[in-house]
């Protein structure tokens, strides 16, 4: 029997998510809650289909293939799947140039 992977949020990814929610809630609290629910639902769905996300293109170009991402417009949820765990690493605004942020975060030796 195949064991369902668990989802673990890296601290910085959880911070990213709450920053997004807090920013939106300032003007539109109901929208912020809806977006929070949508992102959490899509991440939870990864338990059933952990390889659903695409390989992160910025990393794929340089041969780094272990990171995947879900696009939940306009956000990019970056994660790593290791068989028993799905580790959510970042939730970033895809409208910005996220390449530098991704490389800084995901290539640190102490990162999840």
PDB file of N, CA and C in Angstrom:
ATOM      1  N   UNK A   1       0.832  -1.183   0.000  1.00  0.00           N
ATOM      2  CA  UNK A   1       0.000   0.000   0.000  1.00  0.00           C
ATOM      3  C   UNK A   1       0.878   1.248   0.000  1.00  0.00           C
ATOM      4  N   UNK A   2       0.547   2.187  -0.845  1.00  0.00           N
ATOM      5  CA  UNK A   2       1.318   3.425  -0.946  1.00  0.00           C
ATOM      6  C   UNK A   2       0.899   4.365   0.174  1.00  0.00           C
ATOM      7  N   UNK A   3       1.889   4.869   0.882  1.00  0.00           N
ATOM      8  CA  UNK A   3       1.627   5.775   1.991  1.00  0.00           C
ATOM      9  C   UNK A   3       1.453   7.197   1.461  1.00  0.00           C
ATOM     10  N   UNK A   4       0.423   7.881   1.951  1.00  0.00           N
ATOM     11  CA  UNK A   4       0.173   9.267   1.562  1.00  0.00           C
ATOM     12  C   UNK A   4       1.251  10.152   2.172  1.00  0.00           C
ATOM     13  N   UNK A   5       1.890  10.995   1.364  1.00  0.00           N
ATOM     14  CA  UNK A   5       2.925  11.871   1.917  1.00  0.00           C
ATOM     15  C   UNK A   5       2.323  12.927   2.844  1.00  0.00           C
ATOM     16  N   UNK A   6       3.126  13.369   3.788  1.00  0.00           N
ATOM     17  CA  UNK A   6       2.685  14.460   4.658  1.00  0.00           C
ATOM     18  C   UNK A   6       3.169  15.780   4.073  1.00  0.00           C
ATOM     19  N   UNK A   7       2.453  16.835   4.396  1.00  0.00           N
ATOM     20  CA  UNK A   7       2.826  18.169   3.928  1.00  0.00           C
ATOM     21  C   UNK A   7       3.444  18.930   5.091  1.00  0.00           C
ATOM     22  N   UNK A   8       4.614  19.480   4.844  1.00  0.00           N
ATOM     23  CA  UNK A   8       5.330  20.276   5.833  1.00  0.00           C
ATOM     24  C   UNK A   8       5.562  21.654   5.223  1.00  0.00           C
ATOM     25  N   UNK A   9       5.205  22.693   5.965  1.00  0.00           N
ATOM     26  CA  UNK A   9       5.458  24.062   5.506  1.00  0.00           C
ATOM     27  C   UNK A   9       6.747  24.556   6.154  1.00  0.00           C
ATOM     28  N   UNK A  10       7.719  24.950   5.344  1.00  0.00           N
ATOM     29  CA  UNK A  10       8.913  25.614   5.880  1.00  0.00           C
ATOM     30  C   UNK A  10       8.453  26.929   6.511  1.00  0.00           C
ATOM     31  N   UNK A  11       9.138  27.348   7.552  1.00  0.00           N
ATOM     32  CA  UNK A  11       8.754  28.579   8.241  1.00  0.00           C
ATOM     33  C   UNK A  11       8.640  29.774   7.313  1.00  0.00           C
ATOM     34  N   UNK A  12       9.578  29.905   6.400  1.00  0.00           N
ATOM     35  CA  UNK A  12       9.567  31.055   5.498  1.00  0.00           C
ATOM     36  C   UNK A  12       8.391  30.990   4.523  1.00  0.00           C
ATOM     37  N   UNK A  13       7.989  29.788   4.128  1.00  0.00           N
ATOM     38  CA  UNK A  13       6.830  29.641   3.238  1.00  0.00           C
ATOM     39  C   UNK A  13       5.554  30.034   3.971  1.00  0.00           C
ATOM     40  N   UNK A  14       5.441  29.626   5.225  1.00  0.00           N
ATOM     41  CA  UNK A  14       4.270  30.008   6.025  1.00  0.00           C
ATOM     42  C   UNK A  14       4.253  31.526   6.196  1.00  0.00           C
ATOM     43  N   UNK A  15       5.422  32.120   6.405  1.00  0.00           N
ATOM     44  CA  UNK A  15       5.526  33.587   6.495  1.00  0.00           C
ATOM     45  C   UNK A  15       5.100  34.250   5.196  1.00  0.00           C
ATOM     46  N   UNK A  16       5.562  33.696   4.074  1.00  0.00           N
ATOM     47  CA  UNK A  16       5.151  34.224   2.766  1.00  0.00           C
ATOM     48  C   UNK A  16       3.633  34.251   2.658  1.00  0.00           C
ATOM     49  N   UNK A  17       3.009  33.135   3.023  1.00  0.00           N
ATOM     50  CA  UNK A  17       1.556  33.023   2.904  1.00  0.00           C
ATOM     51  C   UNK A  17       0.853  34.051   3.781  1.00  0.00           C
ATOM     52  N   UNK A  18       1.294  34.178   5.021  1.00  0.00           N
ATOM     53  CA  UNK A  18       0.649  35.143   5.917  1.00  0.00           C
ATOM     54  C   UNK A  18       0.914  36.576   5.482  1.00  0.00           C
ATOM     55  N   UNK A  19       2.062  36.860   4.909  1.00  0.00           N
ATOM     56  CA  UNK A  19       2.317  38.204   4.374  1.00  0.00           C
ATOM     57  C   UNK A  19       1.330  38.538   3.263  1.00  0.00           C
ATOM     58  N   UNK A  20       1.065  37.573   2.393  1.00  0.00           N
ATOM     59  CA  UNK A  20       0.102  37.770   1.306  1.00  0.00           C
ATOM     60  C   UNK A  20      -1.287  38.033   1.886  1.00  0.00           C
ATOM     61  N   UNK A  21      -1.693  37.193   2.819  1.00  0.00           N
ATOM     62  CA  UNK A  21      -3.022  37.325   3.424  1.00  0.00           C
ATOM     63  C   UNK A  21      -3.147  38.656   4.155  1.00  0.00           C
ATOM     64  N   UNK A  22      -2.143  39.021   4.944  1.00  0.00           N
ATOM     65  CA  UNK A  22      -2.185  40.295   5.673  1.00  0.00           C
ATOM     66  C   UNK A  22      -2.276  41.483   4.731  1.00  0.00           C
ATOM     67  N   UNK A  23      -1.514  41.438   3.659  1.00  0.00           N
ATOM     68  CA  UNK A  23      -1.513  42.538   2.689  1.00  0.00           C
ATOM     69  C   UNK A  23      -2.903  42.717   2.071  1.00  0.00           C
ATOM     70  N   UNK A  24      -3.506  41.630   1.655  1.00  0.00           N
ATOM     71  CA  UNK A  24      -4.823  41.697   1.017  1.00  0.00           C
ATOM     72  C   UNK A  24      -5.901  42.045   2.038  1.00  0.00           C
ATOM     73  N   UNK A  25      -5.781  41.526   3.247  1.00  0.00           N
ATOM     74  CA  UNK A  25      -6.803  41.737   4.278  1.00  0.00           C
ATOM     75  C   UNK A  25      -6.944  43.198   4.675  1.00  0.00           C
ATOM     76  N   UNK A  26      -5.902  43.994   4.457  1.00  0.00           N
ATOM     77  CA  UNK A  26      -5.984  45.412   4.781  1.00  0.00           C
ATOM     78  C   UNK A  26      -7.145  46.096   4.078  1.00  0.00           C
ATOM     79  N   UNK A  27      -7.402  45.713   2.843  1.00  0.00           N
ATOM     80  CA  UNK A  27      -8.495  46.309   2.062  1.00  0.00           C
ATOM     81  C   UNK A  27      -9.663  45.356   1.858  1.00  0.00           C
ATOM     82  N   UNK A  28      -9.353  44.062   1.796  1.00  0.00           N
ATOM     83  CA  UNK A  28     -10.396  43.086   1.426  1.00  0.00           C
ATOM     84  C   UNK A  28     -10.273  41.821   2.272  1.00  0.00           C
ATOM     85  N   UNK A  29     -10.763  41.871   3.509  1.00  0.00           N
ATOM     86  CA  UNK A  29     -10.593  40.719   4.401  1.00  0.00           C
ATOM     87  C   UNK A  29     -11.243  39.428   3.887  1.00  0.00           C
ATOM     88  N   UNK A  30     -12.410  39.513   3.280  1.00  0.00           N
ATOM     89  CA  UNK A  30     -13.066  38.300   2.770  1.00  0.00           C
ATOM     90  C   UNK A  30     -12.265  37.693   1.620  1.00  0.00           C
ATOM     91  N   UNK A  31     -11.726  38.554   0.773  1.00  0.00           N
ATOM     92  CA  UNK A  31     -10.898  38.075  -0.337  1.00  0.00           C
ATOM     93  C   UNK A  31      -9.643  37.397   0.204  1.00  0.00           C
ATOM     94  N   UNK A  32      -9.060  37.973   1.241  1.00  0.00           N
ATOM     95  CA  UNK A  32      -7.854  37.390   1.842  1.00  0.00           C
ATOM     96  C   UNK A  32      -8.130  35.980   2.359  1.00  0.00           C
ATOM     97  N   UNK A  33      -9.255  35.795   3.016  1.00  0.00           N
ATOM     98  CA  UNK A  33      -9.601  34.461   3.528  1.00  0.00           C
ATOM     99  C   UNK A  33      -9.868  33.481   2.396  1.00  0.00           C
ATOM    100  N   UNK A  34     -10.497  33.950   1.336  1.00  0.00           N
ATOM    101  CA  UNK A  34     -10.762  33.088   0.181  1.00  0.00           C
ATOM    102  C   UNK A  34      -9.450  32.637  -0.460  1.00  0.00           C
ATOM    103  N   UNK A  35      -8.513  33.573  -0.604  1.00  0.00           N
ATOM    104  CA  UNK A  35      -7.210  33.252  -1.205  1.00  0.00           C
ATOM    105  C   UNK A  35      -6.429  32.288  -0.310  1.00  0.00           C
ATOM    106  N   UNK A  36      -6.454  32.527   0.989  1.00  0.00           N
ATOM    107  CA  UNK A  36      -5.797  31.612   1.929  1.00  0.00           C
ATOM    108  C   UNK A  36      -6.357  30.199   1.763  1.00  0.00           C
ATOM    109  N   UNK A  37      -7.673  30.092   1.726  1.00  0.00           N
ATOM    110  CA  UNK A  37      -8.308  28.789   1.557  1.00  0.00           C
ATOM    111  C   UNK A  37      -7.937  28.125   0.247  1.00  0.00           C
ATOM    112  N   UNK A  38      -7.884  28.920  -0.811  1.00  0.00           N
ATOM    113  CA  UNK A  38      -7.556  28.377  -2.137  1.00  0.00           C
ATOM    114  C   UNK A  38      -6.130  27.825  -2.171  1.00  0.00           C
ATOM    115  N   UNK A  39      -5.189  28.599  -1.650  1.00  0.00           N
ATOM    116  CA  UNK A  39      -3.789  28.157  -1.647  1.00  0.00           C
ATOM    117  C   UNK A  39      -3.633  26.910  -0.776  1.00  0.00           C
ATOM    118  N   UNK A  40      -4.219  26.924   0.415  1.00  0.00           N
ATOM    119  CA  UNK A  40      -4.100  25.760   1.295  1.00  0.00           C
ATOM    120  C   UNK A  40      -4.759  24.524   0.683  1.00  0.00           C
ATOM    121  N   UNK A  41      -5.886  24.708   0.001  1.00  0.00           N
ATOM    122  CA  UNK A  41      -6.564  23.580  -0.644  1.00  0.00           C
ATOM    123  C   UNK A  41      -5.708  22.972  -1.753  1.00  0.00           C
ATOM    124  N   UNK A  42      -5.123  23.836  -2.592  1.00  0.00           N
ATOM    125  CA  UNK A  42      -4.286  23.335  -3.694  1.00  0.00           C
ATOM    126  C   UNK A  42      -3.057  22.612  -3.160  1.00  0.00           C
ATOM    127  N   UNK A  43      -2.477  23.133  -2.087  1.00  0.00           N
ATOM    128  CA  UNK A  43      -1.316  22.470  -1.488  1.00  0.00           C
ATOM    129  C   UNK A  43      -1.733  21.123  -0.891  1.00  0.00           C
ATOM    130  N   UNK A  44      -2.862  21.078  -0.211  1.00  0.00           N
ATOM    131  CA  UNK A  44      -3.354  19.817   0.355  1.00  0.00           C
ATOM    132  C   UNK A  44      -3.601  18.783  -0.736  1.00  0.00           C
ATOM    133  N   UNK A  45      -4.090  19.223  -1.891  1.00  0.00           N
ATOM    134  CA  UNK A  45      -4.327  18.312  -3.017  1.00  0.00           C
ATOM    135  C   UNK A  45      -3.050  17.618  -3.491  1.00  0.00           C
ATOM    136  N   UNK A  46      -1.897  18.199  -3.177  1.00  0.00           N
ATOM    137  CA  UNK A  46      -0.632  17.575  -3.571  1.00  0.00           C
ATOM    138  C   UNK A  46      -0.451  16.199  -2.933  1.00  0.00           C
ATOM    139  N   UNK A  47      -1.117  15.938  -1.823  1.00  0.00           N
ATOM    140  CA  UNK A  47      -1.020  14.615  -1.190  1.00  0.00           C
ATOM    141  C   UNK A  47      -1.418  13.512  -2.168  1.00  0.00           C
ATOM    142  N   UNK A  48      -2.416  13.805  -2.991  1.00  0.00           N
ATOM    143  CA  UNK A  48      -2.895  12.810  -3.953  1.00  0.00           C
ATOM    144  C   UNK A  48      -2.082  12.793  -5.240  1.00  0.00           C
ATOM    145  N   UNK A  49      -1.553  13.944  -5.621  1.00  0.00           N
ATOM    146  CA  UNK A  49      -0.795  14.070  -6.875  1.00  0.00           C
ATOM    147  C   UNK A  49       0.442  14.931  -6.637  1.00  0.00           C
ATOM    148  N   UNK A  50       1.438  14.423  -5.906  1.00  0.00           N
ATOM    149  CA  UNK A  50       2.580  15.254  -5.517  1.00  0.00           C
ATOM    150  C   UNK A  50       3.443  15.750  -6.676  1.00  0.00           C
ATOM    151  N   UNK A  51       3.372  15.086  -7.810  1.00  0.00           N
ATOM    152  CA  UNK A  51       4.189  15.532  -8.943  1.00  0.00           C
ATOM    153  C   UNK A  51       3.380  16.358  -9.935  1.00  0.00           C
ATOM    154  N   UNK A  52       2.237  16.849  -9.494  1.00  0.00           N
ATOM    155  CA  UNK A  52       1.368  17.662 -10.336  1.00  0.00           C
ATOM    156  C   UNK A  52       2.067  18.945 -10.799  1.00  0.00           C
ATOM    157  N   UNK A  53       2.794  19.567  -9.922  1.00  0.00           N
ATOM    158  CA  UNK A  53       3.442  20.828 -10.265  1.00  0.00           C
ATOM    159  C   UNK A  53       4.553  20.650 -11.283  1.00  0.00           C
ATOM    160  N   UNK A  54       4.821  21.719 -11.984  1.00  0.00           N
ATOM    161  CA  UNK A  54       5.906  21.684 -12.976  1.00  0.00           C
ATOM    162  C   UNK A  54       7.249  21.880 -12.271  1.00  0.00           C
ATOM    163  N   UNK A  55       8.298  21.497 -12.952  1.00  0.00           N
ATOM    164  CA  UNK A  55       9.646  21.786 -12.465  1.00  0.00           C
ATOM    165  C   UNK A  55       9.842  23.298 -12.528  1.00  0.00           C
ATOM    166  N   UNK A  56      10.499  23.866 -11.525  1.00  0.00           N
ATOM    167  CA  UNK A  56      10.721  25.317 -11.490  1.00  0.00           C
ATOM    168  C   UNK A  56      11.622  25.691 -12.664  1.00  0.00           C
ATOM    169  N   UNK A  57      11.115  26.486 -13.627  1.00  0.00           N
ATOM    170  CA  UNK A  57      11.875  26.761 -14.855  1.00  0.00           C
ATOM    171  C   UNK A  57      13.237  27.406 -14.616  1.00  0.00           C
ATOM    172  N   UNK A  58      13.313  28.300 -13.633  1.00  0.00           N
ATOM    173  CA  UNK A  58      14.584  28.975 -13.359  1.00  0.00           C
ATOM    174  C   UNK A  58      15.656  27.983 -12.935  1.00  0.00           C
ATOM    175  N   UNK A  59      15.265  26.919 -12.270  1.00  0.00           N
ATOM    176  CA  UNK A  59      16.211  25.892 -11.854  1.00  0.00           C
ATOM    177  C   UNK A  59      16.428  24.855 -12.939  1.00  0.00           C
ATOM    178  N   UNK A  60      15.386  24.543 -13.655  1.00  0.00           N
ATOM    179  CA  UNK A  60      15.492  23.541 -14.721  1.00  0.00           C
ATOM    180  C   UNK A  60      16.554  23.944 -15.744  1.00  0.00           C
ATOM    181  N   UNK A  61      16.647  25.243 -16.016  1.00  0.00           N
ATOM    182  CA  UNK A  61      17.636  25.738 -16.990  1.00  0.00           C
ATOM    183  C   UNK A  61      19.068  25.416 -16.588  1.00  0.00           C
ATOM    184  N   UNK A  62      19.295  25.260 -15.281  1.00  0.00           N
ATOM    185  CA  UNK A  62      20.654  24.961 -14.815  1.00  0.00           C
ATOM    186  C   UNK A  62      20.766  23.531 -14.275  1.00  0.00           C
ATOM    187  N   UNK A  63      19.783  22.696 -14.603  1.00  0.00           N
ATOM    188  CA  UNK A  63      19.866  21.281 -14.269  1.00  0.00           C
ATOM    189  C   UNK A  63      19.425  20.894 -12.870  1.00  0.00           C
ATOM    190  N   UNK A  64      18.804  21.809 -12.144  1.00  0.00           N
ATOM    191  CA  UNK A  64      18.294  21.489 -10.803  1.00  0.00           C
ATOM    192  C   UNK A  64      16.831  21.103 -10.965  1.00  0.00           C
ATOM    193  N   UNK A  65      16.524  19.830 -10.711  1.00  0.00           N
ATOM    194  CA  UNK A  65      15.193  19.322 -11.049  1.00  0.00           C
ATOM    195  C   UNK A  65      14.353  18.880  -9.846  1.00  0.00           C
ATOM    196  N   UNK A  66      14.865  19.001  -8.637  1.00  0.00           N
ATOM    197  CA  UNK A  66      14.125  18.467  -7.496  1.00  0.00           C
ATOM    198  C   UNK A  66      13.042  19.400  -6.959  1.00  0.00           C
ATOM    199  N   UNK A  67      12.985  20.622  -7.464  1.00  0.00           N
ATOM    200  CA  UNK A  67      11.971  21.568  -6.998  1.00  0.00           C
ATOM    201  C   UNK A  67      10.843  21.669  -8.010  1.00  0.00           C
ATOM    202  N   UNK A  68       9.616  21.695  -7.485  1.00  0.00           N
ATOM    203  CA  UNK A  68       8.432  21.807  -8.336  1.00  0.00           C
ATOM    204  C   UNK A  68       7.640  23.018  -7.868  1.00  0.00           C
ATOM    205  N   UNK A  69       6.678  23.418  -8.682  1.00  0.00           N
ATOM    206  CA  UNK A  69       5.838  24.532  -8.267  1.00  0.00           C
ATOM    207  C   UNK A  69       4.419  24.375  -8.783  1.00  0.00           C
ATOM    208  N   UNK A  70       3.509  24.883  -7.979  1.00  0.00           N
ATOM    209  CA  UNK A  70       2.119  25.029  -8.383  1.00  0.00           C
ATOM    210  C   UNK A  70       1.925  26.488  -8.746  1.00  0.00           C
ATOM    211  N   UNK A  71       1.213  26.731  -9.801  1.00  0.00           N
ATOM    212  CA  UNK A  71       0.853  28.098 -10.147  1.00  0.00           C
ATOM    213  C   UNK A  71      -0.587  28.298  -9.699  1.00  0.00           C
ATOM    214  N   UNK A  72      -0.763  29.202  -8.768  1.00  0.00           N
ATOM    215  CA  UNK A  72      -2.085  29.598  -8.296  1.00  0.00           C
ATOM    216  C   UNK A  72      -2.112  31.101  -8.510  1.00  0.00           C
ATOM    217  N   UNK A  73      -2.457  31.484  -9.720  1.00  0.00           N
ATOM    218  CA  UNK A  73      -2.280  32.868 -10.173  1.00  0.00           C
ATOM    219  C   UNK A  73      -2.781  33.868  -9.153  1.00  0.00           C
ATOM    220  N   UNK A  74      -1.911  34.864  -8.875  1.00  0.00           N
ATOM    221  CA  UNK A  74      -0.606  35.146  -9.466  1.00  0.00           C
ATOM    222  C   UNK A  74       0.563  34.570  -8.662  1.00  0.00           C
ATOM    223  N   UNK A  75       0.294  33.615  -7.770  1.00  0.00           N
ATOM    224  CA  UNK A  75       1.347  33.119  -6.883  1.00  0.00           C
ATOM    225  C   UNK A  75       1.967  31.829  -7.389  1.00  0.00           C
ATOM    226  N   UNK A  76       3.199  31.640  -6.971  1.00  0.00           N
ATOM    227  CA  UNK A  76       3.946  30.422  -7.272  1.00  0.00           C
ATOM    228  C   UNK A  76       4.273  29.755  -5.940  1.00  0.00           C
ATOM    229  N   UNK A  77       3.794  28.537  -5.774  1.00  0.00           N
ATOM    230  CA  UNK A  77       4.050  27.770  -4.556  1.00  0.00           C
ATOM    231  C   UNK A  77       5.135  26.753  -4.900  1.00  0.00           C
ATOM    232  N   UNK A  78       6.318  26.965  -4.354  1.00  0.00           N
ATOM    233  CA  UNK A  78       7.473  26.116  -4.656  1.00  0.00           C
ATOM    234  C   UNK A  78       7.591  25.054  -3.563  1.00  0.00           C
ATOM    235  N   UNK A  79       7.781  23.805  -3.997  1.00  0.00           N
ATOM    236  CA  UNK A  79       7.870  22.704  -3.044  1.00  0.00           C
ATOM    237  C   UNK A  79       8.848  21.641  -3.539  1.00  0.00           C
ATOM    238  N   UNK A  80       9.169  20.734  -2.607  1.00  0.00           N
ATOM    239  CA  UNK A  80      10.021  19.593  -2.928  1.00  0.00           C
ATOM    240  C   UNK A  80       9.298  18.337  -2.446  1.00  0.00           C
ATOM    241  N   UNK A  81       9.257  17.331  -3.282  1.00  0.00           N
ATOM    242  CA  UNK A  81       8.614  16.058  -2.930  1.00  0.00           C
ATOM    243  C   UNK A  81       9.693  15.002  -2.778  1.00  0.00           C
ATOM    244  N   UNK A  82       9.687  14.322  -1.623  1.00  0.00           N
ATOM    245  CA  UNK A  82      10.730  13.324  -1.375  1.00  0.00           C
ATOM    246  C   UNK A  82      10.157  11.948  -1.044  1.00  0.00           C
ATOM    247  N   UNK A  83       9.003  11.613  -1.543  1.00  0.00           N
ATOM    248  CA  UNK A  83       8.421  10.297  -1.296  1.00  0.00           C
ATOM    249  C   UNK A  83       7.485  10.273  -0.111  1.00  0.00           C
ATOM    250  N   UNK A  84       8.000  10.585   1.063  1.00  0.00           N
ATOM    251  CA  UNK A  84       7.149  10.579   2.252  1.00  0.00           C
ATOM    252  C   UNK A  84       6.734  11.981   2.685  1.00  0.00           C
ATOM    253  N   UNK A  85       7.378  12.996   2.113  1.00  0.00           N
ATOM    254  CA  UNK A  85       7.095  14.380   2.501  1.00  0.00           C
ATOM    255  C   UNK A  85       6.987  15.289   1.293  1.00  0.00           C
ATOM    256  N   UNK A  86       6.102  16.255   1.428  1.00  0.00           N
ATOM    257  CA  UNK A  86       6.028  17.380   0.497  1.00  0.00           C
ATOM    258  C   UNK A  86       6.370  18.594   1.344  1.00  0.00           C
ATOM    259  N   UNK A  87       7.482  19.237   1.042  1.00  0.00           N
ATOM    260  CA  UNK A  87       7.909  20.399   1.817  1.00  0.00           C
ATOM    261  C   UNK A  87       7.638  21.646   0.990  1.00  0.00           C
ATOM    262  N   UNK A  88       6.738  22.496   1.498  1.00  0.00           N
ATOM    263  CA  UNK A  88       6.431  23.763   0.838  1.00  0.00           C
ATOM    264  C   UNK A  88       7.525  24.741   1.245  1.00  0.00           C
ATOM    265  N   UNK A  89       8.201  25.300   0.244  1.00  0.00           N
ATOM    266  CA  UNK A  89       9.393  26.111   0.491  1.00  0.00           C
ATOM    267  C   UNK A  89       9.178  27.602   0.325  1.00  0.00           C
ATOM    268  N   UNK A  90       8.265  28.005  -0.556  1.00  0.00           N
ATOM    269  CA  UNK A  90       8.030  29.429  -0.816  1.00  0.00           C
ATOM    270  C   UNK A  90       6.657  29.629  -1.420  1.00  0.00           C
ATOM    271  N   UNK A  91       6.075  30.781  -1.125  1.00  0.00           N
ATOM    272  CA  UNK A  91       4.867  31.241  -1.809  1.00  0.00           C
ATOM    273  C   UNK A  91       5.200  32.654  -2.271  1.00  0.00           C
ATOM    274  N   UNK A  92       5.396  32.799  -3.580  1.00  0.00           N
ATOM    275  CA  UNK A  92       5.897  34.058  -4.126  1.00  0.00           C
ATOM    276  C   UNK A  92       4.945  34.627  -5.164  1.00  0.00           C
ATOM    277  N   UNK A  93       4.962  35.939  -5.283  1.00  0.00           N
ATOM    278  CA  UNK A  93       4.147  36.621  -6.285  1.00  0.00           C
ATOM    279  C   UNK A  93       4.792  36.431  -7.649  1.00  0.00           C
ATOM    280  N   UNK A  94       4.116  35.714  -8.522  1.00  0.00           N
ATOM    281  CA  UNK A  94       4.653  35.407  -9.842  1.00  0.00           C
ATOM    282  C   UNK A  94       4.744  36.599 -10.775  1.00  0.00           C
ATOM    283  N   UNK A  95       4.160  37.732 -10.391  1.00  0.00           N
ATOM    284  CA  UNK A  95       4.240  38.931 -11.239  1.00  0.00           C
ATOM    285  C   UNK A  95       5.578  39.638 -11.074  1.00  0.00           C
ATOM    286  N   UNK A  96       6.323  39.228 -10.088  1.00  0.00           N
ATOM    287  CA  UNK A  96       7.640  39.825  -9.848  1.00  0.00           C
ATOM    288  C   UNK A  96       8.727  38.918 -10.390  1.00  0.00           C
ATOM    289  N   UNK A  97       9.918  39.474 -10.509  1.00  0.00           N
ATOM    290  CA  UNK A  97      11.065  38.659 -10.898  1.00  0.00           C
ATOM    291  C   UNK A  97      11.477  37.859  -9.666  1.00  0.00           C
ATOM    292  N   UNK A  98      11.144  36.595  -9.674  1.00  0.00           N
ATOM    293  CA  UNK A  98      11.385  35.783  -8.480  1.00  0.00           C
ATOM    294  C   UNK A  98      12.661  34.953  -8.565  1.00  0.00           C
ATOM    295  N   UNK A  99      13.345  35.037  -9.671  1.00  0.00           N
ATOM    296  CA  UNK A  99      14.523  34.187  -9.867  1.00  0.00           C
ATOM    297  C   UNK A  99      15.561  34.370  -8.762  1.00  0.00           C
ATOM    298  N   UNK A 100      15.907  35.615  -8.450  1.00  0.00           N
ATOM    299  CA  UNK A 100      16.914  35.858  -7.417  1.00  0.00           C
ATOM    300  C   UNK A 100      16.458  35.349  -6.053  1.00  0.00           C
ATOM    301  N   UNK A 101      15.195  35.585  -5.726  1.00  0.00           N
ATOM    302  CA  UNK A 101      14.666  35.123  -4.441  1.00  0.00           C
ATOM    303  C   UNK A 101      14.739  33.603  -4.358  1.00  0.00           C
ATOM    304  N   UNK A 102      14.320  32.935  -5.419  1.00  0.00           N
ATOM    305  CA  UNK A 102      14.357  31.472  -5.431  1.00  0.00           C
ATOM    306  C   UNK A 102      15.771  30.946  -5.253  1.00  0.00           C
ATOM    307  N   UNK A 103      16.712  31.480  -5.996  1.00  0.00           N
ATOM    308  CA  UNK A 103      18.089  30.990  -5.888  1.00  0.00           C
ATOM    309  C   UNK A 103      18.673  31.258  -4.507  1.00  0.00           C
ATOM    310  N   UNK A 104      18.413  32.442  -3.963  1.00  0.00           N
ATOM    311  CA  UNK A 104      18.929  32.751  -2.624  1.00  0.00           C
ATOM    312  C   UNK A 104      18.360  31.795  -1.587  1.00  0.00           C
ATOM    313  N   UNK A 105      17.067  31.585  -1.647  1.00  0.00           N
ATOM    314  CA  UNK A 105      16.419  30.738  -0.644  1.00  0.00           C
ATOM    315  C   UNK A 105      16.739  29.264  -0.820  1.00  0.00           C
ATOM    316  N   UNK A 106      16.587  28.778  -2.008  1.00  0.00           N
ATOM    317  CA  UNK A 106      16.615  27.334  -2.209  1.00  0.00           C
ATOM    318  C   UNK A 106      18.009  26.750  -2.356  1.00  0.00           C
ATOM    319  N   UNK A 107      19.013  27.583  -2.484  1.00  0.00           N
ATOM    320  CA  UNK A 107      20.371  27.052  -2.573  1.00  0.00           C
ATOM    321  C   UNK A 107      21.145  27.219  -1.267  1.00  0.00           C
ATOM    322  N   UNK A 108      20.483  27.748  -0.239  1.00  0.00           N
ATOM    323  CA  UNK A 108      21.136  27.834   1.071  1.00  0.00           C
ATOM    324  C   UNK A 108      21.269  26.439   1.658  1.00  0.00           C
ATOM    325  N   UNK A 109      22.420  26.099   2.205  1.00  0.00           N
ATOM    326  CA  UNK A 109      22.601  24.752   2.749  1.00  0.00           C
ATOM    327  C   UNK A 109      21.698  24.460   3.949  1.00  0.00           C
ATOM    328  N   UNK A 110      21.262  25.492   4.666  1.00  0.00           N
ATOM    329  CA  UNK A 110      20.437  25.271   5.856  1.00  0.00           C
ATOM    330  C   UNK A 110      18.949  25.317   5.552  1.00  0.00           C
ATOM    331  N   UNK A 111      18.590  25.422   4.272  1.00  0.00           N
ATOM    332  CA  UNK A 111      17.180  25.527   3.916  1.00  0.00           C
ATOM    333  C   UNK A 111      16.541  24.151   3.924  1.00  0.00           C
ATOM    334  N   UNK A 112      15.246  24.129   4.246  1.00  0.00           N
ATOM    335  CA  UNK A 112      14.500  22.862   4.389  1.00  0.00           C
ATOM    336  C   UNK A 112      14.745  21.911   3.268  1.00  0.00           C
TER     337      UNK A 112
END
